[in-house]
């Protein structure tokens, strides 16, 4: 009888601890890498993320279509504009941002794929407990498949695999994440951008994790 009671208690505890869909911290600073299945894009970026103000800053460099690039962009979704910033010559290009802001989060429709420890569970501080989720989401131009991995505690992003017919599989890995904004000024256009005029489209820009949405 005691064994049965113990089993019921353990089962109830297991059900209570089942991972739930979550939303990442609204303010994040860190680094990420992005690569595509076709090897069309390989990039590294430092990022500042503000879900409250719907702002993202990416300072990125890498290779796109066999050409190296450096890109410093400020995405202001609430205003619907993107600034391409060049501190070397103090110039700023202002463009329309036609994509919607979607916070870093696990959608409610996502299915739990598994829970694992990254690193080792042999001793304290040797591993990180993470949850992997998968599913499909509807975009403006079709359906996309995804698999996202976040930490069990804090819902901090670890990696995301994202697939569309246009880009194929895109892999994004997050690291050196810090909760909060290390430098809030990164999310404000520099003074030399004040007089920038809204420009038309002039071709395809390198894909970033955030522009996929």
N, C-alpha and C. Protein backbone atom coordinates (compact mmCIF):
# COMPACT_ATOMS: atom_id res chain seq x y z
N UNK A 1 0.84 -1.20 0.00
CA UNK A 1 0.00 0.00 0.00
C UNK A 1 0.87 1.25 0.00
N UNK A 2 1.96 1.22 0.83
CA UNK A 2 2.86 2.36 0.87
C UNK A 2 3.52 2.57 -0.49
N UNK A 3 3.86 1.46 -1.13
CA UNK A 3 4.48 1.55 -2.45
C UNK A 3 3.53 2.19 -3.44
N UNK A 4 2.24 1.85 -3.36
CA UNK A 4 1.24 2.43 -4.26
C UNK A 4 1.11 3.93 -4.02
N UNK A 5 1.06 4.33 -2.73
CA UNK A 5 0.96 5.75 -2.40
C UNK A 5 2.18 6.50 -2.92
N UNK A 6 3.38 5.91 -2.75
CA UNK A 6 4.60 6.54 -3.21
C UNK A 6 4.59 6.70 -4.73
N UNK A 7 4.11 5.67 -5.43
CA UNK A 7 4.04 5.71 -6.89
C UNK A 7 3.10 6.82 -7.35
N UNK A 8 1.93 6.94 -6.69
CA UNK A 8 0.97 7.98 -7.05
C UNK A 8 1.56 9.36 -6.82
N UNK A 9 2.28 9.54 -5.71
CA UNK A 9 2.89 10.84 -5.40
C UNK A 9 3.96 11.20 -6.43
N UNK A 10 4.79 10.21 -6.80
CA UNK A 10 5.82 10.46 -7.79
C UNK A 10 5.21 10.76 -9.14
N UNK A 11 4.13 10.06 -9.50
CA UNK A 11 3.47 10.29 -10.78
C UNK A 11 2.89 11.70 -10.83
N UNK A 12 2.25 12.10 -9.72
CA UNK A 12 1.67 13.44 -9.67
C UNK A 12 2.76 14.50 -9.77
N UNK A 13 3.91 14.24 -9.11
CA UNK A 13 5.01 15.18 -9.19
C UNK A 13 5.55 15.29 -10.60
N UNK A 14 5.63 14.13 -11.30
CA UNK A 14 6.12 14.13 -12.68
C UNK A 14 5.20 14.92 -13.58
N UNK A 15 3.89 14.77 -13.40
CA UNK A 15 2.93 15.50 -14.23
C UNK A 15 3.01 16.99 -13.97
N UNK A 16 3.23 17.36 -12.70
CA UNK A 16 3.29 18.77 -12.35
C UNK A 16 4.50 19.44 -12.96
N UNK A 17 5.58 18.67 -13.20
CA UNK A 17 6.81 19.23 -13.71
C UNK A 17 6.93 19.13 -15.23
N UNK A 18 5.86 18.72 -15.89
CA UNK A 18 5.92 18.60 -17.34
C UNK A 18 6.19 19.99 -17.94
N UNK A 19 7.17 20.09 -18.85
CA UNK A 19 7.50 21.40 -19.45
C UNK A 19 6.29 22.04 -20.12
N UNK A 20 6.23 23.35 -20.01
CA UNK A 20 5.15 24.12 -20.60
C UNK A 20 5.71 25.12 -21.61
N UNK A 21 4.89 25.45 -22.63
CA UNK A 21 5.29 26.48 -23.57
C UNK A 21 5.58 27.77 -22.81
N UNK A 22 6.55 28.54 -23.28
CA UNK A 22 6.99 29.69 -22.51
C UNK A 22 7.41 30.83 -23.43
N UNK A 23 7.60 31.99 -22.83
CA UNK A 23 8.07 33.17 -23.53
C UNK A 23 9.42 33.58 -22.95
N UNK A 24 10.36 33.89 -23.81
CA UNK A 24 11.70 34.27 -23.36
C UNK A 24 11.65 35.63 -22.65
N UNK A 25 12.68 35.94 -21.86
CA UNK A 25 12.72 37.24 -21.18
C UNK A 25 12.54 38.38 -22.19
N UNK A 26 11.80 39.43 -21.84
CA UNK A 26 11.51 40.50 -22.79
C UNK A 26 12.72 41.33 -23.16
N UNK A 27 13.75 41.33 -22.31
CA UNK A 27 14.97 42.09 -22.58
C UNK A 27 16.16 41.14 -22.55
N UNK A 28 16.87 41.06 -23.66
CA UNK A 28 18.01 40.15 -23.77
C UNK A 28 19.14 40.81 -24.54
N UNK A 29 20.36 40.47 -24.16
CA UNK A 29 21.55 40.87 -24.88
C UNK A 29 22.43 39.64 -25.03
N UNK A 30 23.07 39.48 -26.19
CA UNK A 30 23.92 38.33 -26.37
C UNK A 30 24.48 38.23 -27.77
N UNK A 31 24.83 37.02 -28.14
CA UNK A 31 25.38 36.76 -29.47
C UNK A 31 24.64 35.59 -30.09
N UNK A 32 24.69 35.52 -31.41
CA UNK A 32 24.07 34.40 -32.12
C UNK A 32 24.82 34.14 -33.42
N UNK A 33 24.69 32.92 -33.92
CA UNK A 33 25.21 32.56 -35.22
C UNK A 33 24.07 32.04 -36.07
N UNK A 34 24.14 32.30 -37.37
CA UNK A 34 23.09 31.88 -38.29
C UNK A 34 23.73 31.21 -39.50
N UNK A 35 23.18 30.09 -39.91
CA UNK A 35 23.65 29.42 -41.12
C UNK A 35 22.48 28.77 -41.82
N UNK A 36 22.56 28.66 -43.14
CA UNK A 36 21.49 28.07 -43.92
C UNK A 36 21.93 26.73 -44.50
N UNK A 37 20.96 25.90 -44.78
CA UNK A 37 21.19 24.57 -45.33
C UNK A 37 21.95 24.66 -46.65
N UNK A 38 21.65 25.64 -47.45
CA UNK A 38 22.27 25.79 -48.76
C UNK A 38 23.66 26.40 -48.70
N UNK A 39 24.11 26.75 -47.47
CA UNK A 39 25.39 27.43 -47.26
C UNK A 39 25.42 28.80 -47.93
N UNK A 40 24.24 29.34 -48.22
CA UNK A 40 24.13 30.67 -48.81
C UNK A 40 24.49 31.75 -47.80
N UNK A 41 24.18 31.47 -46.54
CA UNK A 41 24.46 32.44 -45.48
C UNK A 41 25.14 31.76 -44.31
N UNK A 42 26.21 32.39 -43.84
CA UNK A 42 26.85 32.03 -42.58
C UNK A 42 27.22 33.34 -41.90
N UNK A 43 26.73 33.56 -40.71
CA UNK A 43 26.93 34.85 -40.08
C UNK A 43 27.02 34.73 -38.57
N UNK A 44 27.64 35.73 -37.98
CA UNK A 44 27.75 35.87 -36.53
C UNK A 44 27.27 37.26 -36.17
N UNK A 45 26.56 37.40 -35.08
CA UNK A 45 26.02 38.71 -34.72
C UNK A 45 25.96 38.89 -33.21
N UNK A 46 26.12 40.14 -32.79
CA UNK A 46 25.77 40.55 -31.44
C UNK A 46 24.38 41.16 -31.52
N UNK A 47 23.56 40.89 -30.53
CA UNK A 47 22.19 41.37 -30.61
C UNK A 47 21.73 42.00 -29.30
N UNK A 48 20.79 42.94 -29.44
CA UNK A 48 20.04 43.50 -28.31
C UNK A 48 18.57 43.34 -28.66
N UNK A 49 17.80 42.83 -27.73
CA UNK A 49 16.41 42.44 -28.00
C UNK A 49 15.49 43.06 -26.96
N UNK A 50 14.49 43.80 -27.44
CA UNK A 50 13.53 44.45 -26.56
C UNK A 50 12.12 44.12 -27.04
N UNK A 51 11.49 43.14 -26.40
CA UNK A 51 10.14 42.74 -26.80
C UNK A 51 9.10 43.75 -26.34
N UNK A 52 9.41 44.53 -25.31
CA UNK A 52 8.46 45.51 -24.81
C UNK A 52 8.30 46.67 -25.80
N UNK A 53 9.41 47.15 -26.32
CA UNK A 53 9.37 48.23 -27.30
C UNK A 53 9.40 47.75 -28.73
N UNK A 54 9.44 46.43 -28.93
CA UNK A 54 9.50 45.82 -30.27
C UNK A 54 10.68 46.38 -31.06
N UNK A 55 11.88 46.22 -30.48
CA UNK A 55 13.11 46.72 -31.09
C UNK A 55 14.18 45.63 -31.06
N UNK A 56 14.98 45.56 -32.14
CA UNK A 56 16.08 44.61 -32.21
C UNK A 56 17.27 45.31 -32.86
N UNK A 57 18.45 45.13 -32.30
CA UNK A 57 19.69 45.64 -32.90
C UNK A 57 20.57 44.44 -33.22
N UNK A 58 21.09 44.40 -34.45
CA UNK A 58 21.98 43.34 -34.88
C UNK A 58 23.24 43.95 -35.45
N UNK A 59 24.38 43.57 -34.90
CA UNK A 59 25.68 43.96 -35.45
C UNK A 59 26.31 42.67 -35.96
N UNK A 60 26.27 42.52 -37.26
CA UNK A 60 26.46 41.21 -37.88
C UNK A 60 27.57 41.26 -38.93
N UNK A 61 28.29 40.16 -39.04
CA UNK A 61 29.22 39.99 -40.16
C UNK A 61 29.22 38.52 -40.56
N UNK A 62 29.53 38.29 -41.85
CA UNK A 62 29.51 36.93 -42.33
C UNK A 62 29.65 36.86 -43.83
N UNK A 63 29.12 35.80 -44.40
CA UNK A 63 29.20 35.56 -45.84
C UNK A 63 27.81 35.27 -46.37
N UNK A 64 27.45 35.94 -47.48
CA UNK A 64 26.14 35.77 -48.09
C UNK A 64 26.33 35.72 -49.61
N UNK A 65 25.89 34.62 -50.22
CA UNK A 65 26.08 34.42 -51.66
C UNK A 65 27.55 34.56 -52.04
N UNK A 66 28.42 33.95 -51.23
CA UNK A 66 29.87 33.94 -51.47
C UNK A 66 30.51 35.32 -51.40
N UNK A 67 29.84 36.26 -50.76
CA UNK A 67 30.40 37.59 -50.57
C UNK A 67 30.34 37.93 -49.08
N UNK A 68 31.46 38.45 -48.57
CA UNK A 68 31.48 38.82 -47.17
C UNK A 68 30.72 40.13 -46.96
N UNK A 69 30.18 40.30 -45.79
CA UNK A 69 29.44 41.52 -45.49
C UNK A 69 29.56 41.86 -44.01
N UNK A 70 29.35 43.12 -43.71
CA UNK A 70 29.18 43.62 -42.35
C UNK A 70 27.87 44.40 -42.33
N UNK A 71 27.08 44.17 -41.34
CA UNK A 71 25.75 44.77 -41.30
C UNK A 71 25.43 45.20 -39.87
N UNK A 72 25.09 46.45 -39.73
CA UNK A 72 24.67 46.99 -38.44
C UNK A 72 23.26 47.55 -38.65
N UNK A 73 22.26 46.85 -38.12
CA UNK A 73 20.89 47.27 -38.37
C UNK A 73 20.12 47.43 -37.07
N UNK A 74 19.23 48.41 -37.08
CA UNK A 74 18.31 48.63 -35.97
C UNK A 74 16.90 48.45 -36.52
N UNK A 75 16.19 47.46 -36.00
CA UNK A 75 14.84 47.14 -36.47
C UNK A 75 13.83 47.69 -35.47
N UNK A 76 13.06 48.67 -35.92
CA UNK A 76 12.04 49.29 -35.08
C UNK A 76 10.68 48.87 -35.62
N UNK A 77 10.15 47.77 -35.10
CA UNK A 77 8.93 47.20 -35.64
C UNK A 77 7.72 48.09 -35.37
N UNK A 78 7.70 48.75 -34.24
CA UNK A 78 6.55 49.58 -33.91
C UNK A 78 6.43 50.75 -34.89
N UNK A 79 7.55 51.30 -35.33
CA UNK A 79 7.55 52.39 -36.31
C UNK A 79 7.55 51.88 -37.74
N UNK A 80 7.83 50.58 -37.92
CA UNK A 80 7.85 50.00 -39.26
C UNK A 80 9.04 50.44 -40.09
N UNK A 81 10.19 50.70 -39.45
CA UNK A 81 11.37 51.14 -40.18
C UNK A 81 12.61 50.36 -39.72
N UNK A 82 13.59 50.31 -40.62
CA UNK A 82 14.87 49.67 -40.33
C UNK A 82 15.98 50.66 -40.69
N UNK A 83 16.94 50.80 -39.80
CA UNK A 83 18.09 51.66 -40.06
C UNK A 83 19.32 50.79 -40.32
N UNK A 84 19.98 51.04 -41.44
CA UNK A 84 21.29 50.46 -41.68
C UNK A 84 22.32 51.51 -41.29
N UNK A 85 23.13 51.19 -40.32
CA UNK A 85 24.01 52.18 -39.70
C UNK A 85 25.46 51.93 -40.08
N UNK A 86 26.15 52.99 -40.47
CA UNK A 86 27.57 52.92 -40.79
C UNK A 86 28.31 53.95 -39.95
N UNK A 87 28.94 53.49 -38.88
CA UNK A 87 29.63 54.41 -37.98
C UNK A 87 30.94 54.92 -38.57
N UNK A 88 31.48 54.17 -39.54
CA UNK A 88 32.77 54.58 -40.11
C UNK A 88 32.66 55.92 -40.81
N UNK A 89 31.62 56.08 -41.64
CA UNK A 89 31.45 57.35 -42.34
C UNK A 89 30.23 58.14 -41.87
N UNK A 90 29.64 57.70 -40.75
CA UNK A 90 28.50 58.39 -40.15
C UNK A 90 27.35 58.58 -41.15
N UNK A 91 26.97 57.48 -41.79
CA UNK A 91 25.83 57.51 -42.70
C UNK A 91 24.77 56.53 -42.20
N UNK A 92 23.55 56.77 -42.64
CA UNK A 92 22.43 55.96 -42.18
C UNK A 92 21.44 55.79 -43.32
N UNK A 93 21.04 54.57 -43.55
CA UNK A 93 20.06 54.26 -44.58
C UNK A 93 18.78 53.81 -43.89
N UNK A 94 17.68 54.47 -44.21
CA UNK A 94 16.40 54.20 -43.58
C UNK A 94 15.47 53.50 -44.57
N UNK A 95 14.96 52.34 -44.19
CA UNK A 95 14.09 51.56 -45.08
C UNK A 95 12.83 51.13 -44.34
N UNK A 96 11.84 50.80 -45.14
CA UNK A 96 10.59 50.32 -44.57
C UNK A 96 10.76 48.88 -44.07
N UNK A 97 10.24 48.61 -42.89
CA UNK A 97 10.28 47.27 -42.30
C UNK A 97 8.90 46.67 -42.47
N UNK A 98 8.79 45.74 -43.39
CA UNK A 98 7.47 45.23 -43.78
C UNK A 98 7.08 43.94 -43.08
N UNK A 99 7.89 43.47 -42.15
CA UNK A 99 7.57 42.24 -41.43
C UNK A 99 7.06 42.58 -40.04
N UNK A 100 6.26 41.68 -39.49
CA UNK A 100 5.69 41.88 -38.15
C UNK A 100 6.67 41.41 -37.08
N UNK A 101 6.57 42.00 -35.91
CA UNK A 101 7.38 41.57 -34.78
C UNK A 101 6.74 40.37 -34.10
N UNK A 102 7.54 39.36 -33.86
CA UNK A 102 7.09 38.20 -33.10
C UNK A 102 8.09 37.97 -31.97
N UNK A 103 7.66 38.00 -30.74
CA UNK A 103 8.59 37.81 -29.62
C UNK A 103 9.18 36.41 -29.62
N UNK A 104 10.34 36.29 -29.03
CA UNK A 104 10.96 34.98 -28.86
C UNK A 104 10.12 34.18 -27.88
N UNK A 105 9.46 33.16 -28.38
CA UNK A 105 8.55 32.39 -27.53
C UNK A 105 8.28 31.04 -28.16
N UNK A 106 7.86 30.11 -27.34
CA UNK A 106 7.40 28.81 -27.84
C UNK A 106 5.90 28.92 -28.07
N UNK A 107 5.42 28.76 -29.30
CA UNK A 107 3.99 28.89 -29.58
C UNK A 107 3.17 27.88 -28.77
N UNK A 108 1.95 28.26 -28.46
CA UNK A 108 1.08 27.37 -27.69
C UNK A 108 0.78 26.08 -28.44
N UNK A 109 0.86 26.12 -29.76
CA UNK A 109 0.57 24.93 -30.56
C UNK A 109 1.77 23.99 -30.68
N UNK A 110 2.92 24.37 -30.12
CA UNK A 110 4.13 23.56 -30.23
C UNK A 110 4.00 22.25 -29.47
N UNK A 111 4.65 21.23 -29.99
CA UNK A 111 4.68 19.92 -29.34
C UNK A 111 6.04 19.68 -28.70
N UNK A 112 6.03 19.16 -27.49
CA UNK A 112 7.28 18.87 -26.80
C UNK A 112 7.98 17.70 -27.45
N UNK A 113 9.22 17.90 -27.88
CA UNK A 113 10.00 16.84 -28.51
C UNK A 113 10.85 16.09 -27.50
N UNK A 114 11.25 16.78 -26.45
CA UNK A 114 12.04 16.10 -25.43
C UNK A 114 12.70 17.08 -24.49
N UNK A 115 13.19 16.56 -23.37
CA UNK A 115 13.92 17.33 -22.38
C UNK A 115 15.25 16.63 -22.13
N UNK A 116 16.34 17.38 -22.28
CA UNK A 116 17.67 16.79 -22.14
C UNK A 116 18.57 17.74 -21.35
N UNK A 117 19.72 17.24 -20.98
CA UNK A 117 20.74 18.05 -20.30
C UNK A 117 21.87 18.30 -21.29
N UNK A 118 22.17 19.57 -21.53
CA UNK A 118 23.33 19.93 -22.35
C UNK A 118 24.55 19.93 -21.44
N UNK A 119 25.56 19.17 -21.82
CA UNK A 119 26.73 19.04 -20.95
C UNK A 119 26.63 17.75 -20.18
N UNK A 120 26.74 17.83 -18.87
CA UNK A 120 26.71 16.64 -18.02
C UNK A 120 25.80 16.87 -16.82
N UNK A 121 25.13 15.79 -16.40
CA UNK A 121 24.30 15.83 -15.20
C UNK A 121 25.01 15.17 -14.02
N UNK A 122 26.31 14.92 -14.17
CA UNK A 122 27.05 14.20 -13.13
C UNK A 122 27.33 15.06 -11.90
N UNK A 123 27.39 16.37 -12.08
CA UNK A 123 27.71 17.22 -10.94
C UNK A 123 27.09 18.60 -11.09
N UNK A 124 27.00 19.35 -10.00
CA UNK A 124 26.40 20.69 -10.04
C UNK A 124 27.16 21.61 -10.99
N UNK A 125 26.41 22.37 -11.79
CA UNK A 125 27.01 23.34 -12.69
C UNK A 125 27.64 22.77 -13.95
N UNK A 126 27.49 21.47 -14.16
CA UNK A 126 28.12 20.85 -15.32
C UNK A 126 27.18 20.72 -16.52
N UNK A 127 25.92 21.07 -16.34
CA UNK A 127 24.97 20.93 -17.44
C UNK A 127 23.81 21.89 -17.31
N UNK A 128 23.06 22.02 -18.39
CA UNK A 128 21.90 22.90 -18.44
C UNK A 128 20.70 22.09 -18.93
N UNK A 129 19.61 22.14 -18.19
CA UNK A 129 18.39 21.43 -18.56
C UNK A 129 17.64 22.25 -19.61
N UNK A 130 17.35 21.63 -20.76
CA UNK A 130 16.68 22.34 -21.85
C UNK A 130 15.50 21.52 -22.36
N UNK A 131 14.56 22.23 -22.99
CA UNK A 131 13.39 21.60 -23.61
C UNK A 131 13.41 21.92 -25.10
N UNK A 132 13.09 20.92 -25.92
CA UNK A 132 13.01 21.11 -27.36
C UNK A 132 11.56 20.98 -27.81
N UNK A 133 11.12 21.93 -28.63
CA UNK A 133 9.75 21.99 -29.11
C UNK A 133 9.73 22.04 -30.63
N UNK A 134 8.68 21.53 -31.22
CA UNK A 134 8.57 21.55 -32.67
C UNK A 134 7.14 21.82 -33.11
N UNK A 135 7.00 22.25 -34.37
CA UNK A 135 5.67 22.50 -34.90
C UNK A 135 5.72 23.26 -36.20
N UNK A 136 4.59 23.83 -36.57
CA UNK A 136 4.47 24.64 -37.77
C UNK A 136 3.76 25.95 -37.42
N UNK A 137 4.13 27.02 -38.12
CA UNK A 137 3.44 28.29 -37.95
C UNK A 137 3.09 28.84 -39.33
N UNK A 138 2.05 29.62 -39.36
CA UNK A 138 1.58 30.22 -40.60
C UNK A 138 2.21 31.59 -40.80
N UNK A 139 2.89 31.78 -41.91
CA UNK A 139 3.47 33.06 -42.25
C UNK A 139 2.65 33.72 -43.35
N UNK A 140 3.04 34.94 -43.68
CA UNK A 140 2.33 35.66 -44.74
C UNK A 140 2.44 34.93 -46.08
N UNK A 141 3.57 34.25 -46.26
CA UNK A 141 3.82 33.60 -47.55
C UNK A 141 3.93 32.09 -47.41
N UNK A 142 3.06 31.50 -46.62
CA UNK A 142 3.06 30.05 -46.52
C UNK A 142 3.30 29.57 -45.10
N UNK A 143 3.63 28.29 -45.00
CA UNK A 143 3.83 27.64 -43.71
C UNK A 143 5.31 27.39 -43.47
N UNK A 144 5.72 27.51 -42.22
CA UNK A 144 7.10 27.25 -41.85
C UNK A 144 7.15 26.19 -40.75
N UNK A 145 8.17 25.35 -40.81
CA UNK A 145 8.41 24.37 -39.78
C UNK A 145 9.53 24.88 -38.87
N UNK A 146 9.49 24.49 -37.60
CA UNK A 146 10.51 24.95 -36.68
C UNK A 146 10.78 23.91 -35.60
N UNK A 147 11.95 24.00 -35.01
CA UNK A 147 12.29 23.26 -33.80
C UNK A 147 13.11 24.21 -32.93
N UNK A 148 12.59 24.53 -31.75
CA UNK A 148 13.25 25.49 -30.86
C UNK A 148 13.63 24.82 -29.56
N UNK A 149 14.81 25.16 -29.08
CA UNK A 149 15.31 24.66 -27.81
C UNK A 149 15.54 25.83 -26.87
N UNK A 150 14.97 25.74 -25.67
CA UNK A 150 15.11 26.80 -24.66
C UNK A 150 15.46 26.16 -23.32
N UNK A 151 16.02 26.96 -22.43
CA UNK A 151 16.33 26.44 -21.10
C UNK A 151 15.04 26.20 -20.32
N UNK A 152 15.05 25.15 -19.51
CA UNK A 152 13.88 24.84 -18.69
C UNK A 152 13.60 25.98 -17.70
N UNK A 153 14.65 26.55 -17.15
CA UNK A 153 14.50 27.64 -16.19
C UNK A 153 14.86 28.95 -16.87
N UNK A 154 13.86 29.80 -17.03
CA UNK A 154 14.09 31.10 -17.64
C UNK A 154 13.67 31.21 -19.08
N UNK A 155 13.50 30.09 -19.78
CA UNK A 155 13.08 30.07 -21.19
C UNK A 155 14.06 30.88 -22.05
N UNK A 156 15.34 30.79 -21.74
CA UNK A 156 16.36 31.49 -22.52
C UNK A 156 16.62 30.70 -23.81
N UNK A 157 16.61 31.35 -24.98
CA UNK A 157 16.80 30.62 -26.23
C UNK A 157 18.19 30.00 -26.34
N UNK A 158 18.24 28.78 -26.85
CA UNK A 158 19.49 28.07 -27.07
C UNK A 158 19.75 27.89 -28.56
N UNK A 159 18.75 27.38 -29.27
CA UNK A 159 18.89 27.20 -30.72
C UNK A 159 17.52 27.09 -31.36
N UNK A 160 17.47 27.40 -32.65
CA UNK A 160 16.24 27.30 -33.42
C UNK A 160 16.55 26.82 -34.82
N UNK A 161 15.81 25.82 -35.29
CA UNK A 161 15.84 25.38 -36.68
C UNK A 161 14.54 25.83 -37.31
N UNK A 162 14.65 26.51 -38.45
CA UNK A 162 13.49 27.12 -39.07
C UNK A 162 13.51 26.80 -40.56
N UNK A 163 12.38 26.35 -41.10
CA UNK A 163 12.35 25.95 -42.51
C UNK A 163 11.21 26.61 -43.26
N UNK A 164 11.55 27.24 -44.38
CA UNK A 164 10.57 27.74 -45.35
C UNK A 164 10.99 27.26 -46.73
N UNK A 165 10.07 27.27 -47.65
CA UNK A 165 10.40 26.85 -49.02
C UNK A 165 11.43 27.77 -49.65
N UNK A 166 11.42 29.05 -49.24
CA UNK A 166 12.32 30.02 -49.84
C UNK A 166 13.75 29.87 -49.33
N UNK A 167 13.90 29.71 -48.01
CA UNK A 167 15.25 29.69 -47.43
C UNK A 167 15.77 28.31 -47.10
N UNK A 168 14.90 27.28 -47.11
CA UNK A 168 15.32 25.96 -46.64
C UNK A 168 15.49 26.00 -45.13
N UNK A 169 16.37 25.14 -44.61
CA UNK A 169 16.59 25.12 -43.16
C UNK A 169 17.58 26.20 -42.76
N UNK A 170 17.22 26.95 -41.75
CA UNK A 170 18.08 27.98 -41.17
C UNK A 170 18.31 27.62 -39.71
N UNK A 171 19.59 27.56 -39.32
CA UNK A 171 19.95 27.18 -37.95
C UNK A 171 20.49 28.40 -37.22
N UNK A 172 19.90 28.72 -36.09
CA UNK A 172 20.36 29.84 -35.27
C UNK A 172 20.74 29.30 -33.89
N UNK A 173 21.95 29.66 -33.45
CA UNK A 173 22.42 29.27 -32.12
C UNK A 173 22.67 30.52 -31.29
N UNK A 174 22.14 30.54 -30.07
CA UNK A 174 22.30 31.68 -29.17
C UNK A 174 23.36 31.35 -28.11
N UNK A 175 24.16 32.32 -27.73
CA UNK A 175 25.14 32.10 -26.67
C UNK A 175 25.50 33.43 -26.02
N UNK A 176 26.15 33.34 -24.87
CA UNK A 176 26.50 34.53 -24.07
C UNK A 176 25.28 35.41 -23.80
N UNK A 177 24.15 34.78 -23.58
CA UNK A 177 22.92 35.53 -23.32
C UNK A 177 22.95 36.16 -21.92
N UNK A 178 22.49 37.41 -21.85
CA UNK A 178 22.38 38.13 -20.58
C UNK A 178 20.97 38.72 -20.51
N UNK A 179 20.28 38.50 -19.41
CA UNK A 179 18.96 39.09 -19.25
C UNK A 179 19.10 40.58 -18.99
N UNK A 180 18.37 41.37 -19.77
CA UNK A 180 18.46 42.82 -19.66
C UNK A 180 19.20 43.40 -20.86
N UNK A 181 19.25 44.72 -20.92
CA UNK A 181 19.94 45.42 -21.99
C UNK A 181 21.27 45.94 -21.47
N UNK A 182 22.36 45.40 -22.00
CA UNK A 182 23.69 45.83 -21.57
C UNK A 182 23.92 47.29 -21.90
N UNK A 183 23.39 47.74 -23.03
CA UNK A 183 23.53 49.14 -23.46
C UNK A 183 22.24 49.56 -24.14
N UNK A 184 21.30 50.18 -23.40
CA UNK A 184 20.01 50.59 -23.99
C UNK A 184 20.16 51.54 -25.18
N UNK A 185 21.28 52.27 -25.27
CA UNK A 185 21.49 53.20 -26.38
C UNK A 185 21.59 52.48 -27.72
N UNK A 186 21.89 51.18 -27.67
CA UNK A 186 21.98 50.41 -28.91
C UNK A 186 20.64 50.35 -29.64
N UNK A 187 19.55 50.59 -28.93
CA UNK A 187 18.23 50.50 -29.53
C UNK A 187 17.64 51.87 -29.88
N UNK A 188 18.49 52.87 -29.91
CA UNK A 188 18.09 54.22 -30.29
C UNK A 188 18.92 54.64 -31.50
N UNK A 189 18.30 55.15 -32.57
CA UNK A 189 19.07 55.58 -33.74
C UNK A 189 20.11 56.63 -33.35
N UNK A 190 21.35 56.53 -33.84
CA UNK A 190 22.36 57.55 -33.53
C UNK A 190 21.96 58.91 -34.11
N UNK A 191 22.54 59.99 -33.60
CA UNK A 191 22.15 61.34 -34.05
C UNK A 191 22.24 61.55 -35.55
N UNK A 192 23.23 60.94 -36.22
CA UNK A 192 23.37 61.18 -37.66
C UNK A 192 22.29 60.47 -38.48
N UNK A 193 21.41 59.71 -37.82
CA UNK A 193 20.29 59.07 -38.53
C UNK A 193 19.03 59.93 -38.53
N UNK A 194 19.06 61.04 -37.80
CA UNK A 194 17.85 61.84 -37.64
C UNK A 194 17.31 62.37 -38.96
N UNK A 195 18.20 62.73 -39.88
CA UNK A 195 17.77 63.31 -41.15
C UNK A 195 17.67 62.28 -42.28
N UNK A 196 17.81 61.01 -41.95
CA UNK A 196 17.74 59.97 -42.98
C UNK A 196 16.34 59.92 -43.59
N UNK A 197 16.28 59.85 -44.93
CA UNK A 197 15.02 59.79 -45.64
C UNK A 197 14.66 58.34 -45.95
N UNK A 198 13.37 58.05 -45.91
CA UNK A 198 12.91 56.70 -46.18
C UNK A 198 13.20 56.35 -47.64
N UNK A 199 13.92 55.25 -47.86
CA UNK A 199 14.32 54.85 -49.20
C UNK A 199 13.49 53.67 -49.67
N UNK A 200 13.50 53.46 -51.00
CA UNK A 200 12.81 52.32 -51.59
C UNK A 200 13.65 51.06 -51.50
N UNK A 201 13.06 49.96 -51.91
CA UNK A 201 13.79 48.69 -51.88
C UNK A 201 14.83 48.67 -53.00
N UNK A 202 16.00 48.11 -52.68
CA UNK A 202 17.07 48.06 -53.69
C UNK A 202 17.68 46.67 -53.80
N UNK A 203 16.87 45.66 -53.55
CA UNK A 203 17.38 44.30 -53.69
C UNK A 203 17.22 43.50 -52.41
N UNK A 204 17.72 42.30 -52.44
CA UNK A 204 17.56 41.38 -51.33
C UNK A 204 18.65 41.58 -50.29
N UNK A 205 18.26 41.63 -49.03
CA UNK A 205 19.22 41.78 -47.95
C UNK A 205 19.54 40.40 -47.37
N UNK A 206 20.71 40.29 -46.73
CA UNK A 206 21.05 39.03 -46.07
C UNK A 206 19.96 38.62 -45.06
N UNK A 207 19.67 37.36 -45.01
CA UNK A 207 18.66 36.85 -44.10
C UNK A 207 19.22 36.85 -42.68
N UNK A 208 18.43 37.27 -41.73
CA UNK A 208 18.79 37.15 -40.32
C UNK A 208 17.69 36.35 -39.63
N UNK A 209 18.01 35.88 -38.44
CA UNK A 209 17.02 35.12 -37.69
C UNK A 209 15.75 35.94 -37.50
N UNK A 210 15.91 37.21 -37.15
CA UNK A 210 14.75 38.03 -36.85
C UNK A 210 13.97 38.42 -38.09
N UNK A 211 14.64 38.55 -39.25
CA UNK A 211 13.92 38.95 -40.46
C UNK A 211 13.10 37.81 -41.04
N UNK A 212 13.32 36.60 -40.57
CA UNK A 212 12.55 35.47 -41.08
C UNK A 212 11.08 35.59 -40.72
N UNK A 213 10.75 36.35 -39.69
CA UNK A 213 9.38 36.47 -39.23
C UNK A 213 8.72 37.71 -39.81
